[in-house]
Amino acid sequence: MTSASLFDKNLLDSTSSNISNDNTEEISHQADSLNHFESQSDFSTYNYHSDVQIAENGSQDVLNAYDEQMWLDERVENIIDPWGNVEIEPIFQYPVMEKEFLFADSSQTPTQKEIAAALVLLKIRHRISTKGINDLCKLLKLMKMPNCPINFYRVKRLLLPNASASPSSLTTYICPVCCKASTSSHRCSDVKCTQHKGFRTSPLSYLRFPILQQLREILAHTHVLNFEQQKSVSNIDTMNDIYDAEAYQRIIKEEAGKNFLTLLMNVDGIQVAKSSNLSLWVFTFVINEIKRSERFKLKNVIVGGIASTISKPSRHQMQALLSPIVKELLVLEQGETFKVKCLNENSNVHLKIFLIASCCDKPAQSLVQGISEPIGAFGCGRCELEGKTVAIKPNSKKKIRVFPLVPDHQEQPRLRTSKTYDIFMNKFVKECFRNDTQLRDRLHGHISPCILRDLTYFDVGTSFLSDSLHNIYHGVV
């Protein structure tokens, strides 16, 4: 049995009931960690799966970009400053340029804490990156500035001596062989793995962002949340938003009288540059109860994780990347207490959080769902249609796979659901020794398990929504 098969078997054996107290404590600890992560980049990116060039944005895009920039400005001005409770010498509480006279009679050398406070003020005022502050500290050291901190980490330790671990503590590395997470970038933590003595192939670098803390921040500033739809089941035939969907109505029945939030997930890869194989895979979420005009704005987007890879991740690696996210979502399904601004200034509400859908482009969906490539046999994520290959032109040797509609008088292909998935996974455990092609055909496209199956209201068939990019704009329909 291959290492990939062992990984699949271990994944199938793990259920939501197996989450230990250690996992719960770990997620709680991560949720309390430093809640402001900075990242700046000067390189341009383009979509990892599409060569389509994006035209100039219209006026509406310009307005949206302006709104996002305004939000960033407000965040800088109104940010909950983690250094707010730190005592700073009075001399640093005045604008330097306007109060130069304050330094006229000062002959005393600034202390290390005073310099650290000045660097923090400079960083916030001019939006300097952490790397920029590190370089500034090096420059001051080269100029033999006494008492200068060596880097921004030292600045934080001076001003926040009891602060939680830095964001780097959330970085893990996914082994390319056994797909297990390790804290070391040099070797796999599994003693039985061939990479235990040292990675011979570069691992995936994975930065996890706790979802809970981001939820708290969004709910604390969001003015409009739609809880009205949860008070009663809708019987209308018209679908105006996700609240009118059958899956959402089922949650209302199951969670009768309780408030809850639902999430929509997107997973996508972006190649850093055309001249580089390096790509970033980003896991993002939005809250469906926020009105649509605000739902997808930057300030309301939750980032679950970012993975750096030198090639497209395998299905087994994708499940490993999703694993810690699913563990946290399982905890959030039990409910947490949130301060919700739109209800009351001092309102603390107990809310359950459910992931109910995922919308990805087709290549990313095949990785998350654990099925064949979208251009392969049984590559449709909605049904079990095998498809057929046809020549792209008459007398051409080049062929593509198409999925023609089945006439009404013939038996229609079965839709993918969690029930059909469970049937195929029982076969998967018994027949995982077969080669990939045999296994794909026997299981109607299921190549690996889908870890999202553990979630209460996520259906591994119907919860994967159709994306417009490949279903419409690329001429699939």
Protein backbone atom coordinates (compact mmCIF):
# COMPACT_ATOMS: atom_id res chain seq x y z
CA MET A 1 0.00 0.00 0.00
CA THR A 2 1.46 3.37 -1.00
CA SER A 3 1.99 6.33 1.34
CA ALA A 4 -0.84 8.13 -0.44
CA SER A 5 -3.15 5.20 0.23
CA LEU A 6 -2.14 5.18 3.90
CA PHE A 7 -2.90 8.88 4.05
CA ASP A 8 -6.35 8.27 2.52
CA LYS A 9 -7.08 5.47 4.96
CA ASN A 10 -6.07 7.60 7.95
CA LEU A 11 -8.21 10.43 6.62
CA LEU A 12 -11.24 8.17 6.26
CA ASP A 13 -10.77 6.82 9.79
CA SER A 14 -10.82 10.33 11.28
CA THR A 15 -14.25 11.74 12.13
CA SER A 16 -15.51 14.75 13.96
CA SER A 17 -15.85 12.71 17.16
CA ASN A 18 -12.11 12.06 17.20
CA ILE A 19 -11.16 15.65 17.84
CA SER A 20 -9.22 15.68 21.06
CA ASN A 21 -9.14 18.27 23.76
CA ASP A 22 -5.64 19.07 22.59
CA ASN A 23 -6.94 20.13 19.20
CA THR A 24 -9.61 22.28 20.81
CA GLU A 25 -7.06 23.92 23.07
CA GLU A 26 -4.72 24.46 20.14
CA ILE A 27 -7.40 26.20 18.10
CA SER A 28 -8.41 28.33 21.07
CA HIS A 29 -4.75 29.29 21.57
CA GLN A 30 -4.35 30.20 17.91
CA ALA A 31 -7.53 32.29 17.99
CA ASP A 32 -6.03 34.41 20.74
CA SER A 33 -2.75 34.94 18.90
CA LEU A 34 -1.62 38.16 17.29
CA ASN A 35 -4.60 39.34 15.23
CA HIS A 36 -2.93 41.65 12.76
CA PHE A 37 -0.90 40.10 9.99
CA GLU A 38 0.90 42.24 7.45
CA SER A 39 1.91 41.24 3.97
CA GLN A 40 3.07 43.51 1.19
CA SER A 41 4.12 42.52 -2.29
CA ASP A 42 5.48 44.46 -5.25
CA PHE A 43 5.07 41.75 -7.87
CA SER A 44 2.11 41.35 -10.16
CA THR A 45 0.06 38.16 -10.24
CA TYR A 46 -2.28 36.46 -12.62
CA ASN A 47 -4.74 33.62 -12.26
CA TYR A 48 -3.09 30.23 -11.94
CA HIS A 49 -5.64 28.43 -14.10
CA SER A 50 -6.51 30.96 -16.78
CA ASP A 51 -4.59 32.71 -19.55
CA VAL A 52 -7.42 35.13 -20.13
CA GLN A 53 -6.14 38.71 -19.95
CA ILE A 54 -8.23 40.95 -17.72
CA ALA A 55 -9.43 44.18 -19.32
CA GLU A 56 -9.27 47.59 -17.74
CA ASN A 57 -11.70 47.93 -14.84
CA GLY A 58 -14.88 49.89 -15.40
CA SER A 59 -16.11 52.73 -13.31
CA GLN A 60 -17.79 50.36 -10.85
CA ASP A 61 -14.50 48.51 -10.27
CA VAL A 62 -12.80 51.85 -9.64
CA LEU A 63 -15.44 52.71 -7.05
CA ASN A 64 -15.02 49.32 -5.39
CA ALA A 65 -11.25 49.78 -5.32
CA TYR A 66 -11.76 53.22 -3.81
CA ASP A 67 -14.03 51.72 -1.13
CA GLU A 68 -11.43 49.09 -0.30
CA GLN A 69 -8.68 51.71 -0.02
CA MET A 70 -10.90 53.84 2.22
CA TRP A 71 -11.42 50.80 4.44
CA LEU A 72 -7.67 50.22 4.64
CA ASP A 73 -7.19 53.87 5.59
CA GLU A 74 -9.83 53.59 8.31
CA ARG A 75 -8.23 50.41 9.64
CA VAL A 76 -4.91 52.20 9.98
CA GLU A 77 -6.53 55.19 11.67
CA ASN A 78 -8.93 53.25 13.89
CA ILE A 79 -6.94 50.08 14.42
CA ILE A 80 -7.21 48.55 17.87
CA ASP A 81 -3.64 49.32 18.80
CA PRO A 82 -2.01 46.44 20.71
CA TRP A 83 0.43 49.00 22.11
CA GLY A 84 -2.39 51.22 23.41
CA ASN A 85 -1.90 50.17 27.03
CA VAL A 86 1.88 50.47 26.94
CA GLU A 87 3.33 53.41 28.81
CA ILE A 88 5.29 55.61 26.41
CA GLU A 89 7.44 58.49 27.51
CA PRO A 90 5.58 61.82 27.06
CA ILE A 91 8.15 63.01 24.56
CA PHE A 92 6.86 60.43 22.04
CA GLN A 93 3.23 61.54 22.33
CA TYR A 94 3.78 64.60 20.16
CA PRO A 95 4.35 64.89 16.40
CA VAL A 96 8.12 65.02 15.99
CA MET A 97 8.21 67.57 13.16
CA GLU A 98 5.90 70.01 14.92
CA LYS A 99 7.56 69.73 18.35
CA GLU A 100 11.26 69.85 17.54
CA PHE A 101 11.79 72.21 20.46
CA LEU A 102 11.12 69.27 22.79
CA PHE A 103 14.52 67.88 21.85
CA ALA A 104 16.41 71.17 22.10
CA ASP A 105 17.55 70.73 25.68
CA SER A 106 17.63 66.94 25.66
CA SER A 107 21.12 65.53 26.12
CA GLN A 108 20.08 62.17 27.51
CA THR A 109 20.45 59.12 25.25
CA PRO A 110 17.04 57.51 24.50
CA THR A 111 16.43 54.19 26.18
CA GLN A 112 15.79 51.03 24.20
CA LYS A 113 12.10 51.14 25.10
CA GLU A 114 11.81 54.77 23.97
CA ILE A 115 13.37 53.94 20.61
CA ALA A 116 11.02 50.95 20.28
CA ALA A 117 8.00 53.20 20.93
CA ALA A 118 9.24 55.68 18.32
CA LEU A 119 9.62 52.89 15.76
CA VAL A 120 6.05 51.73 16.40
CA LEU A 121 4.70 55.27 15.90
CA LEU A 122 6.74 55.59 12.71
CA LYS A 123 5.49 52.22 11.45
CA ILE A 124 1.81 53.08 11.97
CA ARG A 125 2.06 56.66 10.74
CA HIS A 126 3.81 55.79 7.46
CA ARG A 127 2.55 52.20 7.04
CA ILE A 128 6.02 50.73 7.04
CA SER A 129 6.24 46.97 6.68
CA THR A 130 7.87 44.78 9.30
CA LYS A 131 10.73 44.17 6.86
CA GLY A 132 11.14 47.95 6.57
CA ILE A 133 11.45 48.33 10.34
CA ASN A 134 13.98 45.49 10.43
CA ASP A 135 16.08 47.26 7.79
CA LEU A 136 15.78 50.54 9.69
CA CYS A 137 17.05 48.83 12.84
CA LYS A 138 20.02 47.47 10.88
CA LEU A 139 20.75 50.95 9.56
CA LEU A 140 20.67 52.45 13.06
CA LYS A 141 22.98 49.69 14.27
CA LEU A 142 25.43 50.41 11.44
CA MET A 143 25.36 54.07 12.46
CA LYS A 144 26.24 52.91 15.99
CA MET A 145 23.00 54.23 17.48
CA PRO A 146 23.08 53.18 21.15
CA ASN A 147 20.20 51.16 22.64
CA CYS A 148 18.63 50.43 19.23
CA PRO A 149 16.54 47.19 19.05
CA ILE A 150 17.95 44.66 16.60
CA ASN A 151 14.61 44.03 14.81
CA PHE A 152 10.84 44.43 15.08
CA TYR A 153 10.51 41.21 17.06
CA ARG A 154 12.65 42.81 19.77
CA VAL A 155 10.45 45.92 19.59
CA LYS A 156 7.37 43.80 20.35
CA ARG A 157 9.11 42.00 23.18
CA LEU A 158 10.04 45.35 24.75
CA LEU A 159 6.54 46.83 24.54
CA LEU A 160 4.50 43.64 24.87
CA PRO A 161 6.51 41.35 27.15
CA ASN A 162 3.55 39.01 27.70
CA ALA A 163 2.32 38.97 24.10
CA SER A 164 1.27 35.70 22.50
CA ALA A 165 3.34 33.91 19.91
CA SER A 166 4.11 35.66 16.66
CA PRO A 167 2.35 34.70 13.42
CA SER A 168 5.35 32.60 12.41
CA SER A 169 4.33 30.04 15.04
CA LEU A 170 1.34 29.21 12.83
CA THR A 171 3.55 28.20 9.91
CA THR A 172 3.72 24.49 9.16
CA TYR A 173 5.30 22.43 6.40
CA ILE A 174 3.46 19.68 4.53
CA CYS A 175 5.63 16.68 3.70
CA PRO A 176 5.55 15.91 -0.06
CA VAL A 177 5.58 12.14 0.65
CA CYS A 178 3.36 11.36 3.66
CA CYS A 179 1.44 14.69 3.58
CA LYS A 180 1.81 15.16 7.34
CA ALA A 181 2.35 18.61 8.85
CA SER A 182 5.68 19.43 10.48
CA THR A 183 6.97 22.48 12.30
CA SER A 184 10.43 22.00 10.80
CA SER A 185 11.24 23.22 7.31
CA HIS A 186 14.15 20.76 7.06
CA ARG A 187 12.66 17.35 7.80
CA CYS A 188 9.38 15.46 8.29
CA SER A 189 8.25 14.90 11.88
CA ASP A 190 7.09 11.34 11.13
CA VAL A 191 9.91 8.96 12.06
CA LYS A 192 8.54 6.35 9.64
CA CYS A 193 8.61 8.72 6.66
CA THR A 194 11.45 8.58 4.14
CA GLN A 195 11.81 12.35 4.54
CA HIS A 196 12.42 12.18 8.31
CA LYS A 197 16.18 12.69 8.00
CA GLY A 198 15.71 15.59 5.62
CA PHE A 199 13.41 16.83 2.87
CA ARG A 200 14.73 15.78 -0.53
CA THR A 201 11.81 17.57 -2.18
CA SER A 202 10.70 21.01 -1.05
CA PRO A 203 7.70 20.83 1.31
CA LEU A 204 4.63 23.03 1.08
CA SER A 205 4.92 26.06 3.34
CA TYR A 206 1.54 26.67 4.98
CA LEU A 207 0.54 29.72 7.02
CA ARG A 208 -2.68 29.20 8.98
CA PHE A 209 -4.87 32.09 10.13
CA PRO A 210 -7.38 31.29 12.91
CA ILE A 211 -10.95 31.85 11.68
CA LEU A 212 -12.46 32.62 15.09
CA GLN A 213 -10.57 35.86 15.71
CA GLN A 214 -11.38 37.15 12.23
CA LEU A 215 -15.06 36.39 12.82
CA ARG A 216 -14.97 38.40 16.04
CA GLU A 217 -13.45 41.41 14.28
CA ILE A 218 -15.96 41.33 11.41
CA LEU A 219 -19.00 40.95 13.67
CA ALA A 220 -17.72 43.77 15.89
CA HIS A 221 -17.82 46.31 13.03
CA THR A 222 -20.53 44.99 10.65
CA HIS A 223 -23.69 47.09 10.71
CA VAL A 224 -26.04 44.73 8.86
CA LEU A 225 -26.51 41.00 9.48
CA ASN A 226 -29.58 39.19 8.22
CA PHE A 227 -30.98 37.08 11.05
CA GLU A 228 -34.59 37.79 10.06
CA GLN A 229 -34.56 34.99 7.47
CA GLN A 230 -33.79 32.47 10.22
CA LYS A 231 -37.00 33.12 12.16
CA SER A 232 -39.21 31.08 9.83
CA VAL A 233 -38.95 28.68 6.91
CA SER A 234 -39.47 30.29 3.51
CA ASN A 235 -41.98 28.71 1.13
CA ILE A 236 -41.47 31.03 -1.84
CA ASP A 237 -40.44 29.62 -5.21
CA THR A 238 -38.28 32.61 -6.13
CA MET A 239 -34.66 32.50 -5.04
CA ASN A 240 -33.26 35.95 -4.23
CA ASP A 241 -30.27 34.93 -2.13
CA ILE A 242 -28.70 31.93 -0.48
CA TYR A 243 -31.29 32.12 2.33
CA ASP A 244 -33.95 30.82 -0.09
CA ALA A 245 -31.92 27.72 -0.99
CA GLU A 246 -33.13 24.30 0.09
CA ALA A 247 -29.92 23.60 2.02
CA TYR A 248 -30.24 26.83 4.02
CA GLN A 249 -33.89 26.14 4.79
CA ARG A 250 -32.93 22.72 6.13
CA ILE A 251 -30.53 24.34 8.60
CA ILE A 252 -33.32 26.66 9.79
CA LYS A 253 -35.45 23.60 10.55
CA GLU A 254 -32.63 21.72 12.28
CA GLU A 255 -31.48 24.74 14.32
CA ALA A 256 -34.98 26.02 15.09
CA GLY A 257 -34.95 29.08 17.35
CA LYS A 258 -31.16 29.43 17.29
CA ASN A 259 -29.10 32.06 15.52
CA PHE A 260 -26.28 30.84 13.31
CA LEU A 261 -23.89 32.03 10.63
CA THR A 262 -23.04 30.24 7.40
CA LEU A 263 -19.82 30.44 5.40
CA LEU A 264 -18.97 30.16 1.71
CA MET A 265 -15.44 28.91 0.93
CA ASN A 266 -13.17 29.58 -2.03
CA VAL A 267 -9.86 27.88 -2.78
CA ASP A 268 -7.70 29.10 -5.63
CA GLY A 269 -4.11 29.17 -6.79
CA ILE A 270 -2.24 32.18 -8.13
CA GLN A 271 1.09 31.93 -9.91
CA VAL A 272 3.49 34.53 -8.57
CA ALA A 273 5.00 35.38 -11.96
CA LYS A 274 5.09 33.95 -15.48
CA SER A 275 8.80 33.29 -15.12
CA SER A 276 8.37 31.38 -11.85
CA ASN A 277 6.78 28.06 -10.88
CA LEU A 278 6.05 29.40 -7.40
CA SER A 279 2.35 29.70 -6.65
CA LEU A 280 0.21 30.72 -3.69
CA TRP A 281 -2.93 28.82 -2.76
CA VAL A 282 -5.35 30.90 -0.72
CA PHE A 283 -8.27 29.62 1.38
CA THR A 284 -10.90 32.33 1.90
CA PHE A 285 -14.39 32.54 3.41
CA VAL A 286 -17.27 35.00 3.40
CA ILE A 287 -20.26 35.26 5.75
CA ASN A 288 -23.53 34.71 3.88
CA GLU A 289 -25.61 36.66 6.40
CA ILE A 290 -23.87 39.92 5.44
CA LYS A 291 -25.80 41.71 2.69
CA ARG A 292 -24.51 41.01 -0.80
CA SER A 293 -23.31 44.55 -1.48
CA GLU A 294 -20.91 44.23 1.49
CA ARG A 295 -20.36 40.48 1.63
CA PHE A 296 -17.36 40.20 -0.68
CA LYS A 297 -15.54 43.38 0.27
CA LEU A 298 -12.01 43.03 1.57
CA LYS A 299 -12.94 44.04 5.11
CA ASN A 300 -15.39 41.11 5.37
CA VAL A 301 -13.23 38.38 3.83
CA ILE A 302 -11.81 35.71 6.14
CA VAL A 303 -8.46 34.16 5.21
CA GLY A 304 -8.17 30.62 6.51
CA GLY A 305 -4.69 29.91 5.19
CA ILE A 306 -2.09 30.54 2.50
CA ALA A 307 0.12 27.80 1.08
CA SER A 308 3.27 28.38 -0.95
CA THR A 309 4.09 25.67 -3.49
CA ILE A 310 6.48 25.18 -6.39
CA SER A 311 3.86 23.18 -8.29
CA LYS A 312 0.17 22.40 -8.17
CA PRO A 313 -0.57 20.52 -4.91
CA SER A 314 -1.78 16.93 -5.12
CA ARG A 315 -5.19 15.85 -3.84
CA HIS A 316 -3.59 14.30 -0.77
CA GLN A 317 -1.70 17.53 -0.03
CA MET A 318 -4.89 19.55 -0.48
CA GLN A 319 -6.67 17.41 2.11
CA ALA A 320 -3.72 17.96 4.47
CA LEU A 321 -4.02 21.73 3.96
CA LEU A 322 -7.76 21.62 4.66
CA SER A 323 -7.42 19.39 7.73
CA PRO A 324 -6.65 22.12 10.36
CA ILE A 325 -9.33 24.36 8.85
CA VAL A 326 -11.93 21.59 9.17
CA LYS A 327 -10.87 20.93 12.77
CA GLU A 328 -11.49 24.56 13.66
CA LEU A 329 -14.81 24.60 11.78
CA LEU A 330 -15.95 21.56 13.76
CA VAL A 331 -15.29 23.46 16.98
CA LEU A 332 -17.14 26.52 15.64
CA GLU A 333 -20.14 24.30 14.83
CA GLN A 334 -20.57 23.84 18.58
CA GLY A 335 -21.02 27.60 18.95
CA GLU A 336 -19.12 30.61 20.27
CA THR A 337 -20.14 33.84 21.98
CA PHE A 338 -19.68 36.95 19.83
CA LYS A 339 -20.19 40.65 20.30
CA VAL A 340 -22.47 41.62 17.40
CA LYS A 341 -22.56 45.34 16.67
CA CYS A 342 -25.69 45.32 14.51
CA LEU A 343 -27.85 43.93 17.33
CA ASN A 344 -26.77 46.02 20.27
CA GLU A 345 -23.69 47.90 21.42
CA ASN A 346 -23.30 45.53 24.36
CA SER A 347 -24.93 42.47 22.82
CA ASN A 348 -23.18 39.14 23.30
CA VAL A 349 -24.78 36.44 21.16
CA HIS A 350 -24.11 32.71 21.02
CA LEU A 351 -23.74 31.71 17.36
CA LYS A 352 -23.02 28.44 15.63
CA ILE A 353 -20.88 28.65 12.48
CA PHE A 354 -21.47 26.30 9.55
CA LEU A 355 -19.65 25.92 6.25
CA ILE A 356 -22.41 25.11 3.76
CA ALA A 357 -20.88 25.63 0.31
CA SER A 358 -17.69 26.00 -1.70
CA CYS A 359 -17.29 27.84 -4.98
CA CYS A 360 -13.98 27.19 -6.76
CA ASP A 361 -12.90 27.05 -10.36
CA LYS A 362 -12.91 23.54 -11.80
CA PRO A 363 -9.22 22.62 -11.36
CA ALA A 364 -9.28 23.71 -7.71
CA GLN A 365 -12.62 21.99 -7.11
CA SER A 366 -11.27 18.66 -8.34
CA LEU A 367 -8.49 18.90 -5.72
CA VAL A 368 -10.81 19.85 -2.87
CA GLN A 369 -13.54 17.37 -3.85
CA GLY A 370 -11.06 14.57 -4.52
CA ILE A 371 -12.34 13.70 -8.01
CA SER A 372 -10.88 13.40 -11.51
CA GLU A 373 -9.55 16.37 -13.43
CA PRO A 374 -12.38 18.36 -15.07
CA ILE A 375 -11.19 17.24 -18.52
CA GLY A 376 -10.96 13.57 -17.50
CA ALA A 377 -13.47 10.75 -17.32
CA PHE A 378 -16.07 11.34 -14.58
CA GLY A 379 -14.62 14.84 -14.16
CA CYS A 380 -17.97 16.53 -13.53
CA GLY A 381 -18.32 17.60 -9.91
CA ARG A 382 -22.12 17.61 -10.06
CA CYS A 383 -22.94 14.19 -11.46
CA GLU A 384 -21.42 10.83 -12.38
CA LEU A 385 -21.45 11.37 -16.15
CA GLU A 386 -18.37 9.75 -17.71
CA GLY A 387 -18.31 11.89 -20.84
CA LYS A 388 -16.66 10.97 -24.13
CA THR A 389 -13.70 12.10 -26.21
CA VAL A 390 -14.23 13.78 -29.58
CA ALA A 391 -11.91 15.31 -32.16
CA ILE A 392 -11.56 19.09 -31.82
CA LYS A 393 -11.91 19.37 -35.62
CA PRO A 394 -12.85 16.97 -38.43
CA ASN A 395 -9.90 14.68 -39.28
CA SER A 396 -7.91 16.06 -36.34
CA LYS A 397 -5.89 13.75 -34.10
CA LYS A 398 -6.33 16.07 -31.13
CA LYS A 399 -9.25 15.16 -28.91
CA ILE A 400 -11.05 16.65 -25.95
CA ARG A 401 -13.53 15.22 -23.48
CA VAL A 402 -17.08 16.54 -23.55
CA PHE A 403 -20.08 15.86 -21.34
CA PRO A 404 -23.14 15.87 -23.62
CA LEU A 405 -26.61 16.07 -22.14
CA VAL A 406 -28.46 12.78 -21.91
CA PRO A 407 -31.85 12.73 -23.72
CA ASP A 408 -34.86 12.83 -21.41
CA HIS A 409 -36.04 9.35 -22.43
CA GLN A 410 -32.74 7.81 -21.30
CA GLU A 411 -31.57 7.18 -17.76
CA GLN A 412 -30.09 10.36 -16.33
CA PRO A 413 -26.68 10.36 -14.63
CA ARG A 414 -26.82 10.18 -10.85
CA LEU A 415 -26.03 13.37 -8.95
CA ARG A 416 -23.12 13.37 -6.53
CA THR A 417 -24.17 13.58 -2.87
CA SER A 418 -22.74 12.67 0.51
CA LYS A 419 -24.68 9.39 0.35
CA THR A 420 -23.13 8.33 -2.97
CA TYR A 421 -19.74 9.50 -1.68
CA ASP A 422 -20.03 7.24 1.38
CA ILE A 423 -20.84 4.25 -0.85
CA PHE A 424 -17.79 4.87 -3.03
CA MET A 425 -15.49 5.44 -0.05
CA ASN A 426 -16.43 2.03 1.36
CA LYS A 427 -15.25 0.57 -1.95
CA PHE A 428 -12.20 2.84 -1.90
CA VAL A 429 -10.91 1.30 1.33
CA LYS A 430 -11.22 -2.20 -0.10
CA GLU A 431 -9.88 -1.46 -3.59
CA CYS A 432 -7.22 1.23 -3.06
CA PHE A 433 -4.59 -1.25 -4.33
CA ARG A 434 -5.88 -0.82 -7.91
CA ASN A 435 -4.12 1.51 -10.33
CA ASP A 436 -5.43 5.06 -10.69
CA THR A 437 -7.39 4.47 -13.91
CA GLN A 438 -9.12 1.36 -12.62
CA LEU A 439 -9.92 3.04 -9.33
CA ARG A 440 -11.27 6.15 -11.06
CA ASP A 441 -13.62 4.14 -13.27
CA ARG A 442 -14.78 1.86 -10.46
CA LEU A 443 -15.53 4.81 -8.18
CA HIS A 444 -16.97 7.07 -10.89
CA GLY A 445 -14.24 9.67 -10.57
CA HIS A 446 -13.52 9.56 -6.82
CA ILE A 447 -9.73 9.45 -6.48
CA SER A 448 -9.21 10.50 -2.86
CA PRO A 449 -11.34 11.22 0.23
CA CYS A 450 -12.81 14.69 0.84
CA ILE A 451 -12.21 15.87 4.40
CA LEU A 452 -15.12 18.33 4.18
CA ARG A 453 -17.41 15.31 4.61
CA ASP A 454 -16.91 15.62 8.39
CA LEU A 455 -18.82 18.92 8.51
CA THR A 456 -22.47 18.79 9.56
CA TYR A 457 -24.16 20.71 6.74
CA PHE A 458 -21.63 20.34 3.93
CA ASP A 459 -22.66 17.95 1.16
CA VAL A 460 -19.65 16.74 -0.84
CA GLY A 461 -21.77 16.79 -3.98
CA THR A 462 -24.38 19.53 -3.97
CA SER A 463 -22.37 21.93 -1.77
CA PHE A 464 -19.83 22.41 -4.55
CA LEU A 465 -21.28 25.25 -6.59
CA SER A 466 -20.73 25.90 -10.30
CA ASP A 467 -18.26 28.64 -11.18
CA SER A 468 -19.03 30.98 -14.06
CA LEU A 469 -15.42 31.08 -15.32
CA HIS A 470 -15.27 27.55 -16.69
CA ASN A 471 -19.00 26.81 -16.99
CA ILE A 472 -19.93 29.92 -18.98
CA TYR A 473 -17.05 32.12 -20.12
CA HIS A 474 -14.90 29.23 -21.33
CA GLY A 475 -17.79 27.81 -23.32
CA VAL A 476 -18.51 24.65 -21.36
CA VAL A 477 -22.26 25.21 -21.77
